[in-house]
Amino acid sequence: MIQYKLHFYIAIIFVISLISCDNEPYEGFEQPQDGGGGSELNAVFEATLSDTIDFSANEITAELTEDGLQFSGTMNNKRIGFVVPNPTIGPKDFSSIDADGFYKSNVEEINSEFYTAQQGVLDMENIDTTSSMISGTFFGDFVEISSNDTLSITEGVFSEITFVNNTSSQDEATGGSLSVDIDGETNTFELSENNFPDDQDVAVYSFIQVNEDNQLNSKVIKLVLPSNLNQGSFDINNFQDQGSVLNPYSIRYDNPADSSIFNSIEDTGQINLDTVSESTIEGTFNFDGQNIVNEEVMSFTNGSFTIELN
């Protein structure tokens, strides 16, 4: 009797989400990486099946979520994939809860043969968190869940595979403040809200300066930071027009009283993250902003902010 593991069910959910038309990306992967020779990304996912079949993926996908690392390679609708609940460097034994593997003979057919890894090793040799890239090797015996037929996968290698980071290390903000000199005049703001836009690896913190006479004319500064923060100094990015994907390390200033909106101009300053902890984010900034209507440029100097997290 095959001993199915707890994370086998994660693999089942994973493979169901992968079922799609040929070359059509599945949810979470809008731009699958090309594999094989001539790939601009140099991503490789290769193996030998039952000592005779050379498997070289022409579509490679990878995603990091709160449930762990999931990645796969597909060739001619045949797919090999893995789930690593705790992605760290080193070998992961398929007979433990450290990793799950699967092979599906045809991703376009729901009832096609589906094998799960029962013995073998997935070795995570490199996890580059800066460039979100993984490399390693794998081998093992995969057993078909209906017939109990065994498939041997050997000489497996994956390298320079870029993964999409869909984890969020930031908590909801409970309070905070921001101060900045706008063309030499000091303005103070209070944190009003923060949000995590769908399918974007950023958090947006909105600070407001309330106009007591007319709240509709209250000034707002939106600070965009990456979801995964580290201390350091980072160049200011351009705040994209509304509706576009937001750039991390960008800022927008709205002044409804004169109908002006200033977006940060790329490389005109820096955001310095001095404190990044589970309870607090603190930093300073300066940049030039450009009016989206008349292209007027305004300077924002001596900026500082504190964000309190729950």
C-alpha atoms as a PDB file:
ATOM      1  CA  MET A   1       0.000   0.000   0.000  1.00  0.00           C
ATOM      2  CA  ILE A   2       1.436   3.343  -1.011  1.00  0.00           C
ATOM      3  CA  GLN A   3       1.789   5.731   1.900  1.00  0.00           C
ATOM      4  CA  TYR A   4       0.406   9.043   0.688  1.00  0.00           C
ATOM      5  CA  LYS A   5       1.840  12.090   2.428  1.00  0.00           C
ATOM      6  CA  LEU A   6       0.090  15.183   3.733  1.00  0.00           C
ATOM      7  CA  HIS A   7       1.652  17.413   1.099  1.00  0.00           C
ATOM      8  CA  PHE A   8       0.492  15.085  -1.646  1.00  0.00           C
ATOM      9  CA  TYR A   9      -2.801  16.978  -1.442  1.00  0.00           C
ATOM     10  CA  ILE A  10      -0.942  20.215  -2.069  1.00  0.00           C
ATOM     11  CA  ALA A  11       0.469  18.617  -5.199  1.00  0.00           C
ATOM     12  CA  ILE A  12      -3.022  17.587  -6.300  1.00  0.00           C
ATOM     13  CA  ILE A  13      -4.287  21.155  -5.932  1.00  0.00           C
ATOM     14  CA  PHE A  14      -1.166  22.374  -7.729  1.00  0.00           C
ATOM     15  CA  VAL A  15      -1.564  20.107 -10.739  1.00  0.00           C
ATOM     16  CA  ILE A  16      -5.265  20.876 -11.113  1.00  0.00           C
ATOM     17  CA  SER A  17      -4.392  24.560 -11.335  1.00  0.00           C
ATOM     18  CA  LEU A  18      -1.898  23.762 -14.077  1.00  0.00           C
ATOM     19  CA  ILE A  19      -4.410  22.196 -16.468  1.00  0.00           C
ATOM     20  CA  SER A  20      -4.700  24.551 -19.447  1.00  0.00           C
ATOM     21  CA  CYS A  21      -4.433  24.721 -23.198  1.00  0.00           C
ATOM     22  CA  ASP A  22      -1.015  24.196 -24.742  1.00  0.00           C
ATOM     23  CA  ASN A  23       1.253  27.221 -24.112  1.00  0.00           C
ATOM     24  CA  GLU A  24      -1.527  29.018 -22.231  1.00  0.00           C
ATOM     25  CA  PRO A  25      -0.186  30.294 -18.881  1.00  0.00           C
ATOM     26  CA  TYR A  26      -2.067  29.305 -15.756  1.00  0.00           C
ATOM     27  CA  GLU A  27      -3.107  31.573 -12.917  1.00  0.00           C
ATOM     28  CA  GLY A  28      -0.160  33.311 -11.270  1.00  0.00           C
ATOM     29  CA  PHE A  29       2.097  33.017 -14.328  1.00  0.00           C
ATOM     30  CA  GLU A  30       1.242  35.597 -16.948  1.00  0.00           C
ATOM     31  CA  GLN A  31       4.603  35.166 -18.652  1.00  0.00           C
ATOM     32  CA  PRO A  32       5.885  31.552 -18.557  1.00  0.00           C
ATOM     33  CA  GLN A  33       9.621  31.271 -19.090  1.00  0.00           C
ATOM     34  CA  ASP A  34      10.892  29.713 -22.263  1.00  0.00           C
ATOM     35  CA  GLY A  35      13.086  26.696 -21.723  1.00  0.00           C
ATOM     36  CA  GLY A  36      15.543  24.710 -23.790  1.00  0.00           C
ATOM     37  CA  GLY A  37      18.176  25.916 -26.191  1.00  0.00           C
ATOM     38  CA  GLY A  38      18.148  29.531 -27.254  1.00  0.00           C
ATOM     39  CA  SER A  39      16.115  30.750 -24.275  1.00  0.00           C
ATOM     40  CA  GLU A  40      16.833  34.385 -23.547  1.00  0.00           C
ATOM     41  CA  LEU A  41      16.297  33.680 -19.841  1.00  0.00           C
ATOM     42  CA  ASN A  42      18.672  30.655 -19.939  1.00  0.00           C
ATOM     43  CA  ALA A  43      16.222  28.684 -17.799  1.00  0.00           C
ATOM     44  CA  VAL A  44      16.774  24.904 -17.898  1.00  0.00           C
ATOM     45  CA  PHE A  45      14.520  22.047 -16.752  1.00  0.00           C
ATOM     46  CA  GLU A  46      15.728  18.623 -17.988  1.00  0.00           C
ATOM     47  CA  ALA A  47      15.525  14.953 -17.001  1.00  0.00           C
ATOM     48  CA  THR A  48      15.583  11.372 -18.291  1.00  0.00           C
ATOM     49  CA  LEU A  49      12.389   9.293 -18.037  1.00  0.00           C
ATOM     50  CA  SER A  50      12.714   5.506 -17.595  1.00  0.00           C
ATOM     51  CA  ASP A  51      16.311   5.639 -18.871  1.00  0.00           C
ATOM     52  CA  THR A  52      15.176   6.244 -22.466  1.00  0.00           C
ATOM     53  CA  ILE A  53      13.182   9.466 -22.852  1.00  0.00           C
ATOM     54  CA  ASP A  54      14.948  12.830 -22.866  1.00  0.00           C
ATOM     55  CA  PHE A  55      12.762  15.475 -21.236  1.00  0.00           C
ATOM     56  CA  SER A  56      13.681  19.114 -21.961  1.00  0.00           C
ATOM     57  CA  ALA A  57      10.988  21.591 -20.957  1.00  0.00           C
ATOM     58  CA  ASN A  58       9.929  24.291 -23.407  1.00  0.00           C
ATOM     59  CA  GLU A  59       7.721  25.939 -20.768  1.00  0.00           C
ATOM     60  CA  ILE A  60       8.901  26.552 -17.207  1.00  0.00           C
ATOM     61  CA  THR A  61       6.929  28.151 -14.406  1.00  0.00           C
ATOM     62  CA  ALA A  62       7.663  28.838 -10.740  1.00  0.00           C
ATOM     63  CA  GLU A  63       5.862  30.580  -7.904  1.00  0.00           C
ATOM     64  CA  LEU A  64       6.573  31.255  -4.230  1.00  0.00           C
ATOM     65  CA  THR A  65       3.447  31.521  -2.054  1.00  0.00           C
ATOM     66  CA  GLU A  66       2.623  31.237   1.641  1.00  0.00           C
ATOM     67  CA  ASP A  67       2.343  27.451   1.024  1.00  0.00           C
ATOM     68  CA  GLY A  68       5.911  27.205  -0.301  1.00  0.00           C
ATOM     69  CA  LEU A  69       7.692  26.965  -3.646  1.00  0.00           C
ATOM     70  CA  GLN A  70       5.908  25.398  -6.636  1.00  0.00           C
ATOM     71  CA  PHE A  71       7.645  24.935  -9.993  1.00  0.00           C
ATOM     72  CA  SER A  72       7.292  22.777 -13.087  1.00  0.00           C
ATOM     73  CA  GLY A  73       8.556  22.084 -16.581  1.00  0.00           C
ATOM     74  CA  THR A  74       6.391  21.077 -19.550  1.00  0.00           C
ATOM     75  CA  MET A  75       7.332  19.407 -22.854  1.00  0.00           C
ATOM     76  CA  ASN A  76       4.752  18.261 -25.405  1.00  0.00           C
ATOM     77  CA  ASN A  77       1.995  18.464 -22.752  1.00  0.00           C
ATOM     78  CA  LYS A  78       3.997  16.220 -20.383  1.00  0.00           C
ATOM     79  CA  ARG A  79       4.688  17.947 -17.077  1.00  0.00           C
ATOM     80  CA  ILE A  80       7.052  17.363 -14.154  1.00  0.00           C
ATOM     81  CA  GLY A  81       6.452  19.515 -11.103  1.00  0.00           C
ATOM     82  CA  PHE A  82       7.452  19.951  -7.491  1.00  0.00           C
ATOM     83  CA  VAL A  83       6.105  21.481  -4.284  1.00  0.00           C
ATOM     84  CA  VAL A  84       8.564  22.484  -1.547  1.00  0.00           C
ATOM     85  CA  PRO A  85       6.733  23.689   1.582  1.00  0.00           C
ATOM     86  CA  ASN A  86       9.899  25.089   3.170  1.00  0.00           C
ATOM     87  CA  PRO A  87      12.244  26.212   0.369  1.00  0.00           C
ATOM     88  CA  THR A  88      15.761  26.171   1.797  1.00  0.00           C
ATOM     89  CA  ILE A  89      19.084  25.135   0.316  1.00  0.00           C
ATOM     90  CA  GLY A  90      19.793  21.416   0.629  1.00  0.00           C
ATOM     91  CA  PRO A  91      18.344  17.991  -0.270  1.00  0.00           C
ATOM     92  CA  LYS A  92      14.624  17.257   0.185  1.00  0.00           C
ATOM     93  CA  ASP A  93      13.579  13.614   0.476  1.00  0.00           C
ATOM     94  CA  PHE A  94      10.385  12.677  -1.392  1.00  0.00           C
ATOM     95  CA  SER A  95       9.614  10.039   1.234  1.00  0.00           C
ATOM     96  CA  SER A  96       9.315  12.809   3.857  1.00  0.00           C
ATOM     97  CA  ILE A  97       7.193  15.948   4.081  1.00  0.00           C
ATOM     98  CA  ASP A  98      10.110  18.066   2.778  1.00  0.00           C
ATOM     99  CA  ALA A  99       9.013  17.908  -0.879  1.00  0.00           C
ATOM    100  CA  ASP A 100       6.447  16.459  -3.258  1.00  0.00           C
ATOM    101  CA  GLY A 101       6.870  15.675  -6.929  1.00  0.00           C
ATOM    102  CA  PHE A 102       4.517  14.691  -9.712  1.00  0.00           C
ATOM    103  CA  TYR A 103       4.489  13.718 -13.365  1.00  0.00           C
ATOM    104  CA  LYS A 104       1.393  14.142 -15.569  1.00  0.00           C
ATOM    105  CA  SER A 105       1.416  12.469 -18.951  1.00  0.00           C
ATOM    106  CA  ASN A 106      -0.924  14.975 -20.640  1.00  0.00           C
ATOM    107  CA  VAL A 107      -1.912  18.255 -19.005  1.00  0.00           C
ATOM    108  CA  GLU A 108      -4.685  18.767 -21.547  1.00  0.00           C
ATOM    109  CA  GLU A 109      -6.529  15.639 -20.402  1.00  0.00           C
ATOM    110  CA  ILE A 110      -7.981  15.545 -16.892  1.00  0.00           C
ATOM    111  CA  ASN A 111      -7.956  11.739 -16.777  1.00  0.00           C
ATOM    112  CA  SER A 112      -4.417  11.252 -18.062  1.00  0.00           C
ATOM    113  CA  GLU A 113      -1.879   9.284 -16.018  1.00  0.00           C
ATOM    114  CA  PHE A 114      -0.773  11.062 -12.856  1.00  0.00           C
ATOM    115  CA  TYR A 115       2.325   9.932 -10.935  1.00  0.00           C
ATOM    116  CA  THR A 116       3.552  11.064  -7.506  1.00  0.00           C
ATOM    117  CA  ALA A 117       7.126  10.865  -6.224  1.00  0.00           C
ATOM    118  CA  GLN A 118       7.513   8.153  -3.563  1.00  0.00           C
ATOM    119  CA  GLN A 119      11.295   7.865  -3.375  1.00  0.00           C
ATOM    120  CA  GLY A 120      14.142  10.127  -4.392  1.00  0.00           C
ATOM    121  CA  VAL A 121      15.618  13.528  -3.716  1.00  0.00           C
ATOM    122  CA  LEU A 122      15.103  17.103  -4.837  1.00  0.00           C
ATOM    123  CA  ASP A 123      18.293  19.040  -4.082  1.00  0.00           C
ATOM    124  CA  MET A 124      17.876  22.822  -3.879  1.00  0.00           C
ATOM    125  CA  GLU A 125      21.431  23.879  -4.680  1.00  0.00           C
ATOM    126  CA  ASN A 126      20.825  27.618  -5.005  1.00  0.00           C
ATOM    127  CA  ILE A 127      18.056  30.024  -3.983  1.00  0.00           C
ATOM    128  CA  ASP A 128      18.875  33.587  -5.025  1.00  0.00           C
ATOM    129  CA  THR A 129      16.361  35.795  -3.238  1.00  0.00           C
ATOM    130  CA  THR A 130      17.738  38.955  -4.846  1.00  0.00           C
ATOM    131  CA  SER A 131      17.015  37.858  -8.415  1.00  0.00           C
ATOM    132  CA  SER A 132      14.275  35.349  -7.371  1.00  0.00           C
ATOM    133  CA  MET A 133      16.080  32.463  -9.062  1.00  0.00           C
ATOM    134  CA  ILE A 134      16.497  28.768  -8.201  1.00  0.00           C
ATOM    135  CA  SER A 135      18.767  25.923  -9.350  1.00  0.00           C
ATOM    136  CA  GLY A 136      19.221  22.285  -8.369  1.00  0.00           C
ATOM    137  CA  THR A 137      18.871  18.613  -9.276  1.00  0.00           C
ATOM    138  CA  PHE A 138      16.336  15.801  -8.783  1.00  0.00           C
ATOM    139  CA  PHE A 139      15.734  12.069  -9.246  1.00  0.00           C
ATOM    140  CA  GLY A 140      13.218   9.553  -7.995  1.00  0.00           C
ATOM    141  CA  ASP A 141      10.631   6.840  -8.476  1.00  0.00           C
ATOM    142  CA  PHE A 142       7.151   8.137  -9.339  1.00  0.00           C
ATOM    143  CA  VAL A 143       4.092   5.892  -8.883  1.00  0.00           C
ATOM    144  CA  GLU A 144       0.837   6.204 -10.872  1.00  0.00           C
ATOM    145  CA  ILE A 145      -2.045   6.705  -8.437  1.00  0.00           C
ATOM    146  CA  SER A 146      -4.475   4.344 -10.236  1.00  0.00           C
ATOM    147  CA  SER A 147      -2.376   1.548 -11.734  1.00  0.00           C
ATOM    148  CA  ASN A 148       0.637   1.645  -9.355  1.00  0.00           C
ATOM    149  CA  ASP A 149       2.928   1.633 -12.389  1.00  0.00           C
ATOM    150  CA  THR A 150       6.370   3.065 -11.625  1.00  0.00           C
ATOM    151  CA  LEU A 151       8.215   5.730 -13.609  1.00  0.00           C
ATOM    152  CA  SER A 152      11.893   6.331 -12.935  1.00  0.00           C
ATOM    153  CA  ILE A 153      13.073   9.921 -13.401  1.00  0.00           C
ATOM    154  CA  THR A 154      16.838  10.424 -13.334  1.00  0.00           C
ATOM    155  CA  GLU A 155      19.461  13.051 -14.230  1.00  0.00           C
ATOM    156  CA  GLY A 156      17.006  15.833 -13.398  1.00  0.00           C
ATOM    157  CA  VAL A 157      18.394  19.339 -13.411  1.00  0.00           C
ATOM    158  CA  PHE A 158      16.854  22.812 -13.171  1.00  0.00           C
ATOM    159  CA  SER A 159      18.819  26.034 -13.318  1.00  0.00           C
ATOM    160  CA  GLU A 160      18.291  29.803 -13.556  1.00  0.00           C
ATOM    161  CA  ILE A 161      14.546  29.423 -13.091  1.00  0.00           C
ATOM    162  CA  THR A 162      12.994  32.719 -12.041  1.00  0.00           C
ATOM    163  CA  PHE A 163      10.115  32.421  -9.590  1.00  0.00           C
ATOM    164  CA  VAL A 164       7.245  34.828  -8.983  1.00  0.00           C
ATOM    165  CA  ASN A 165       7.147  35.903  -5.336  1.00  0.00           C
ATOM    166  CA  ASN A 166       3.512  36.004  -4.259  1.00  0.00           C
ATOM    167  CA  THR A 167       4.190  36.117  -0.531  1.00  0.00           C
ATOM    168  CA  SER A 168       3.520  39.148   1.598  1.00  0.00           C
ATOM    169  CA  SER A 169       5.811  39.835   4.546  1.00  0.00           C
ATOM    170  CA  GLN A 170       4.067  43.033   5.594  1.00  0.00           C
ATOM    171  CA  ASP A 171       1.160  43.250   8.014  1.00  0.00           C
ATOM    172  CA  GLU A 172      -1.673  45.731   7.999  1.00  0.00           C
ATOM    173  CA  ALA A 173      -0.609  49.167   9.209  1.00  0.00           C
ATOM    174  CA  THR A 174      -2.275  50.440  12.368  1.00  0.00           C
ATOM    175  CA  GLY A 175      -0.908  53.992  12.345  1.00  0.00           C
ATOM    176  CA  GLY A 176       1.836  56.273  11.184  1.00  0.00           C
ATOM    177  CA  SER A 177       2.851  59.751  10.087  1.00  0.00           C
ATOM    178  CA  LEU A 178       4.788  61.489   7.336  1.00  0.00           C
ATOM    179  CA  SER A 179       6.474  64.879   7.112  1.00  0.00           C
ATOM    180  CA  VAL A 180       7.960  66.532   4.010  1.00  0.00           C
ATOM    181  CA  ASP A 181       8.972  69.967   2.754  1.00  0.00           C
ATOM    182  CA  ILE A 182       7.074  70.694  -0.454  1.00  0.00           C
ATOM    183  CA  ASP A 183       8.908  73.433  -2.335  1.00  0.00           C
ATOM    184  CA  GLY A 184      10.337  74.516   1.014  1.00  0.00           C
ATOM    185  CA  GLU A 185       7.093  74.441   3.041  1.00  0.00           C
ATOM    186  CA  THR A 186       6.746  71.772   5.736  1.00  0.00           C
ATOM    187  CA  ASN A 187       3.658  69.566   5.493  1.00  0.00           C
ATOM    188  CA  THR A 188       2.598  66.807   7.899  1.00  0.00           C
ATOM    189  CA  PHE A 189       0.342  63.849   7.109  1.00  0.00           C
ATOM    190  CA  GLU A 190      -1.241  60.980   9.041  1.00  0.00           C
ATOM    191  CA  LEU A 191      -1.506  57.400   7.755  1.00  0.00           C
ATOM    192  CA  SER A 192      -5.047  56.776   6.548  1.00  0.00           C
ATOM    193  CA  GLU A 193      -4.848  53.317   4.941  1.00  0.00           C
ATOM    194  CA  ASN A 194      -2.642  50.741   3.291  1.00  0.00           C
ATOM    195  CA  ASN A 195      -3.409  48.126   0.665  1.00  0.00           C
ATOM    196  CA  PHE A 196      -1.781  45.369  -1.338  1.00  0.00           C
ATOM    197  CA  PRO A 197      -2.861  45.602  -5.007  1.00  0.00           C
ATOM    198  CA  ASP A 198      -3.763  42.267  -6.579  1.00  0.00           C
ATOM    199  CA  ASP A 199      -1.016  40.535  -8.579  1.00  0.00           C
ATOM    200  CA  GLN A 200       1.543  43.200  -7.625  1.00  0.00           C
ATOM    201  CA  ASP A 201       4.460  42.759  -5.243  1.00  0.00           C
ATOM    202  CA  VAL A 202       3.954  46.143  -3.593  1.00  0.00           C
ATOM    203  CA  ALA A 203       2.213  47.766  -0.637  1.00  0.00           C
ATOM    204  CA  VAL A 204       0.674  51.241  -0.927  1.00  0.00           C
ATOM    205  CA  TYR A 205       0.602  53.473   2.162  1.00  0.00           C
ATOM    206  CA  SER A 206      -1.694  56.509   1.940  1.00  0.00           C
ATOM    207  CA  PHE A 207      -1.053  59.515   4.184  1.00  0.00           C
ATOM    208  CA  ILE A 208      -3.578  62.353   4.455  1.00  0.00           C
ATOM    209  CA  GLN A 209      -3.455  65.997   5.532  1.00  0.00           C
ATOM    210  CA  VAL A 210      -7.066  66.786   6.385  1.00  0.00           C
ATOM    211  CA  ASN A 211      -8.546  70.085   5.206  1.00  0.00           C
ATOM    212  CA  GLU A 212     -10.940  70.933   8.050  1.00  0.00           C
ATOM    213  CA  ASP A 213     -12.880  73.447   5.943  1.00  0.00           C
ATOM    214  CA  ASN A 214     -13.408  71.077   3.032  1.00  0.00           C
ATOM    215  CA  GLN A 215     -12.342  67.470   3.478  1.00  0.00           C
ATOM    216  CA  LEU A 216     -12.635  66.894  -0.264  1.00  0.00           C
ATOM    217  CA  ASN A 217      -9.624  69.207  -0.605  1.00  0.00           C
ATOM    218  CA  SER A 218      -7.463  67.141   1.764  1.00  0.00           C
ATOM    219  CA  LYS A 219      -3.919  66.514   0.507  1.00  0.00           C
ATOM    220  CA  VAL A 220      -2.731  62.935   0.069  1.00  0.00           C
ATOM    221  CA  ILE A 221       0.681  61.318  -0.336  1.00  0.00           C
ATOM    222  CA  LYS A 222       0.881  57.695  -1.527  1.00  0.00           C
ATOM    223  CA  LEU A 223       4.086  55.830  -0.734  1.00  0.00           C
ATOM    224  CA  VAL A 224       4.707  52.607  -2.693  1.00  0.00           C
ATOM    225  CA  LEU A 225       7.077  50.046  -1.170  1.00  0.00           C
ATOM    226  CA  PRO A 226       7.829  46.427  -2.143  1.00  0.00           C
ATOM    227  CA  SER A 227       5.935  43.739  -0.238  1.00  0.00           C
ATOM    228  CA  ASN A 228       9.206  42.259   0.992  1.00  0.00           C
ATOM    229  CA  LEU A 229      11.295  44.952   2.646  1.00  0.00           C
ATOM    230  CA  ASN A 230      14.950  45.244   3.580  1.00  0.00           C
ATOM    231  CA  GLN A 231      16.852  48.071   5.197  1.00  0.00           C
ATOM    232  CA  GLY A 232      18.913  50.218   2.830  1.00  0.00           C
ATOM    233  CA  SER A 233      18.856  53.099   0.363  1.00  0.00           C
ATOM    234  CA  PHE A 234      16.856  52.767  -2.844  1.00  0.00           C
ATOM    235  CA  ASP A 235      16.566  55.031  -5.878  1.00  0.00           C
ATOM    236  CA  ILE A 236      13.240  56.758  -6.416  1.00  0.00           C
ATOM    237  CA  ASN A 237      11.090  55.195  -9.120  1.00  0.00           C
ATOM    238  CA  ASN A 238       8.473  56.704 -11.389  1.00  0.00           C
ATOM    239  CA  PHE A 239       4.916  56.552 -10.021  1.00  0.00           C
ATOM    240  CA  GLN A 240       2.994  55.151 -12.967  1.00  0.00           C
ATOM    241  CA  ASP A 241      -0.235  56.682 -14.225  1.00  0.00           C
ATOM    242  CA  GLN A 242      -3.367  55.472 -12.478  1.00  0.00           C
ATOM    243  CA  GLY A 243      -4.334  51.958 -13.530  1.00  0.00           C
ATOM    244  CA  SER A 244      -0.790  50.872 -14.345  1.00  0.00           C
ATOM    245  CA  VAL A 245       1.354  48.415 -12.428  1.00  0.00           C
ATOM    246  CA  LEU A 246       2.888  50.362  -9.558  1.00  0.00           C
ATOM    247  CA  ASN A 247       6.645  50.689  -9.264  1.00  0.00           C
ATOM    248  CA  PRO A 248       8.138  50.071  -5.818  1.00  0.00           C
ATOM    249  CA  TYR A 249       9.954  53.020  -4.217  1.00  0.00           C
ATOM    250  CA  SER A 250       7.676  55.548  -5.904  1.00  0.00           C
ATOM    251  CA  ILE A 251       5.556  58.379  -4.475  1.00  0.00           C
ATOM    252  CA  ARG A 252       2.500  60.387  -5.557  1.00  0.00           C
ATOM    253  CA  TYR A 253       1.224  63.691  -4.170  1.00  0.00           C
ATOM    254  CA  ASP A 254      -2.392  64.822  -4.694  1.00  0.00           C
ATOM    255  CA  ASN A 255      -3.635  68.340  -3.933  1.00  0.00           C
ATOM    256  CA  PRO A 256      -7.348  68.478  -4.845  1.00  0.00           C
ATOM    257  CA  ALA A 257      -7.528  72.211  -3.973  1.00  0.00           C
ATOM    258  CA  ASP A 258      -5.709  73.093  -7.195  1.00  0.00           C
ATOM    259  CA  SER A 259      -6.417  69.798  -9.016  1.00  0.00           C
ATOM    260  CA  SER A 260      -2.720  68.898  -9.130  1.00  0.00           C
ATOM    261  CA  ILE A 261      -1.204  65.417  -9.080  1.00  0.00           C
ATOM    262  CA  PHE A 262       2.579  65.023  -8.892  1.00  0.00           C
ATOM    263  CA  ASN A 263       4.221  61.689  -9.689  1.00  0.00           C
ATOM    264  CA  SER A 264       7.773  60.975  -8.537  1.00  0.00           C
ATOM    265  CA  ILE A 265      10.376  61.240 -11.285  1.00  0.00           C
ATOM    266  CA  GLU A 266      12.729  58.295 -11.632  1.00  0.00           C
ATOM    267  CA  ASP A 267      16.276  58.735 -10.240  1.00  0.00           C
ATOM    268  CA  THR A 268      15.623  62.186  -8.716  1.00  0.00           C
ATOM    269  CA  GLY A 269      16.155  61.050  -5.113  1.00  0.00           C
ATOM    270  CA  GLN A 270      16.101  58.162  -2.696  1.00  0.00           C
ATOM    271  CA  ILE A 271      13.988  56.353  -0.147  1.00  0.00           C
ATOM    272  CA  ASN A 272      16.081  55.268   2.848  1.00  0.00           C
ATOM    273  CA  LEU A 273      14.622  52.467   4.965  1.00  0.00           C
ATOM    274  CA  ASP A 274      16.269  52.887   8.356  1.00  0.00           C
ATOM    275  CA  THR A 275      14.060  50.506  10.376  1.00  0.00           C
ATOM    276  CA  VAL A 276      12.272  47.400   9.090  1.00  0.00           C
ATOM    277  CA  SER A 277      10.835  45.194  11.824  1.00  0.00           C
ATOM    278  CA  GLU A 278       7.674  43.252  12.607  1.00  0.00           C
ATOM    279  CA  SER A 279       6.228  46.327  14.321  1.00  0.00           C
ATOM    280  CA  THR A 280       7.708  49.373  12.575  1.00  0.00           C
ATOM    281  CA  ILE A 281       8.880  50.730   9.237  1.00  0.00           C
ATOM    282  CA  GLU A 282      10.810  54.012   9.413  1.00  0.00           C
ATOM    283  CA  GLY A 283      12.591  55.932   6.712  1.00  0.00           C
ATOM    284  CA  THR A 284      13.454  59.179   4.968  1.00  0.00           C
ATOM    285  CA  PHE A 285      13.073  60.356   1.382  1.00  0.00           C
ATOM    286  CA  ASN A 286      13.530  63.141  -1.134  1.00  0.00           C
ATOM    287  CA  PHE A 287      12.513  63.417  -4.772  1.00  0.00           C
ATOM    288  CA  ASP A 288      11.253  65.628  -7.569  1.00  0.00           C
ATOM    289  CA  GLY A 289       7.647  65.269  -8.683  1.00  0.00           C
ATOM    290  CA  GLN A 290       6.114  66.189 -12.025  1.00  0.00           C
ATOM    291  CA  ASN A 291       2.566  67.458 -12.506  1.00  0.00           C
ATOM    292  CA  ILE A 292       0.753  65.005 -14.786  1.00  0.00           C
ATOM    293  CA  VAL A 293      -1.224  67.863 -16.384  1.00  0.00           C
ATOM    294  CA  ASN A 294       1.199  70.704 -17.092  1.00  0.00           C
ATOM    295  CA  GLU A 295       4.573  68.944 -16.404  1.00  0.00           C
ATOM    296  CA  GLU A 296       5.459  71.451 -13.654  1.00  0.00           C
ATOM    297  CA  VAL A 297       8.254  70.077 -11.449  1.00  0.00           C
ATOM    298  CA  MET A 298       8.136  70.416  -7.654  1.00  0.00           C
ATOM    299  CA  SER A 299      10.770  69.412  -5.073  1.00  0.00           C
ATOM    300  CA  PHE A 300      10.005  67.238  -2.047  1.00  0.00           C
ATOM    301  CA  THR A 301      12.800  67.375   0.558  1.00  0.00           C
ATOM    302  CA  ASN A 302      13.504  66.430   4.184  1.00  0.00           C
ATOM    303  CA  GLY A 303      10.870  63.706   3.974  1.00  0.00           C
ATOM    304  CA  SER A 304      10.446  61.210   6.813  1.00  0.00           C
ATOM    305  CA  PHE A 305       7.833  58.624   7.728  1.00  0.00           C
ATOM    306  CA  THR A 306       6.905  56.095  10.395  1.00  0.00           C
ATOM    307  CA  ILE A 307       4.536  53.165   9.805  1.00  0.00           C
ATOM    308  CA  GLU A 308       3.267  51.130  12.747  1.00  0.00           C
ATOM    309  CA  LEU A 309       2.302  47.508  12.052  1.00  0.00           C
ATOM    310  CA  ASN A 310       0.044  45.198  14.027  1.00  0.00           C
END
